[in-house]
């Protein structure tokens, strides 16, 4: 599951880079139809990236150990002292 998380995270990062390139390209376009198509692509990619990030957060909960609660951390610290 960790590999899946890493893969999704990498894809989200790649989408962010692609979105930045499209936004830069949008600055040089003047045709309203082209601008609308670019804006639609950007919006779709931003939605996809947000979904990937949400899934990554859920996957991370399974791949990383849960942090100790404050009370548990205090008990662990007392036991180690």
Protein backbone atom coordinates (compact mmCIF):
# COMPACT_ATOMS: atom_id res chain seq x y z
CA UNK A 1 0.00 0.00 0.00
CA UNK A 2 2.97 2.27 0.59
CA UNK A 3 3.98 1.94 -3.08
CA UNK A 4 0.46 2.88 -4.12
CA UNK A 5 0.61 5.95 -1.86
CA UNK A 6 3.98 6.97 -3.32
CA UNK A 7 2.72 6.45 -6.86
CA UNK A 8 -0.38 8.57 -6.25
CA UNK A 9 1.71 11.26 -4.59
CA UNK A 10 4.10 11.35 -7.54
CA UNK A 11 1.21 11.56 -9.99
CA UNK A 12 -0.29 14.47 -8.00
CA UNK A 13 3.08 16.27 -8.17
CA UNK A 14 3.30 15.66 -11.92
CA UNK A 15 -0.23 17.00 -12.36
CA UNK A 16 0.72 20.14 -10.43
CA UNK A 17 3.65 20.71 -12.81
CA UNK A 18 1.42 20.14 -15.84
CA UNK A 19 -1.20 22.54 -14.48
CA UNK A 20 1.49 25.22 -14.04
CA UNK A 21 2.59 24.73 -17.68
CA UNK A 22 -1.00 25.04 -18.91
CA UNK A 23 -1.51 28.21 -16.89
CA UNK A 24 1.63 29.69 -18.45
CA UNK A 25 0.41 28.66 -21.90
CA UNK A 26 -2.93 30.30 -21.16
CA UNK A 27 -1.18 33.67 -20.86
CA UNK A 28 -0.10 33.54 -24.50
CA UNK A 29 -3.51 32.58 -25.91
CA UNK A 30 -5.90 35.18 -27.24
CA UNK A 31 -8.60 33.08 -28.93
CA UNK A 32 -11.60 32.77 -26.58
CA UNK A 33 -12.30 29.18 -27.68
CA UNK A 34 -8.72 28.14 -26.96
CA UNK A 35 -8.85 29.89 -23.59
CA UNK A 36 -12.08 28.10 -22.71
CA UNK A 37 -10.60 24.72 -23.65
CA UNK A 38 -7.47 25.41 -21.62
CA UNK A 39 -9.51 26.57 -18.65
CA UNK A 40 -11.64 23.43 -18.82
CA UNK A 41 -8.51 21.23 -18.93
CA UNK A 42 -6.97 23.08 -16.01
CA UNK A 43 -10.15 22.76 -13.96
CA UNK A 44 -10.40 19.04 -14.70
CA UNK A 45 -6.74 18.44 -13.82
CA UNK A 46 -7.09 20.44 -10.59
CA UNK A 47 -10.09 18.30 -9.62
CA UNK A 48 -8.18 15.12 -10.40
CA UNK A 49 -5.19 16.31 -8.37
CA UNK A 50 -7.40 17.18 -5.40
CA UNK A 51 -8.92 13.69 -5.51
CA UNK A 52 -5.47 12.10 -5.63
CA UNK A 53 -4.35 14.15 -2.63
CA UNK A 54 -7.48 13.09 -0.71
CA UNK A 55 -6.82 9.42 -1.48
CA UNK A 56 -3.15 9.88 -0.52
CA UNK A 57 -4.21 11.17 2.88
CA UNK A 58 -6.39 8.11 3.39
CA UNK A 59 -3.64 5.74 2.24
CA UNK A 60 -1.09 7.44 4.49
CA UNK A 61 -3.27 6.64 7.49
CA UNK A 62 -2.74 2.95 6.69
CA UNK A 63 0.96 3.13 5.87
CA UNK A 64 2.27 5.30 8.72
CA UNK A 65 2.04 4.47 12.41
CA UNK A 66 -0.47 6.49 14.36
CA UNK A 67 1.10 9.17 16.57
CA UNK A 68 0.94 8.62 20.30
CA UNK A 69 -1.78 10.54 22.08
CA UNK A 70 -0.51 13.17 24.51
CA UNK A 71 -1.35 10.97 27.50
CA UNK A 72 0.39 7.96 25.94
CA UNK A 73 3.43 10.08 25.09
CA UNK A 74 3.64 11.18 28.74
CA UNK A 75 3.46 7.57 29.96
CA UNK A 76 6.16 6.53 27.49
CA UNK A 77 8.37 9.41 28.63
CA UNK A 78 7.88 8.42 32.32
CA UNK A 79 8.70 4.80 31.58
CA UNK A 80 11.90 5.80 29.79
CA UNK A 81 13.09 8.10 32.57
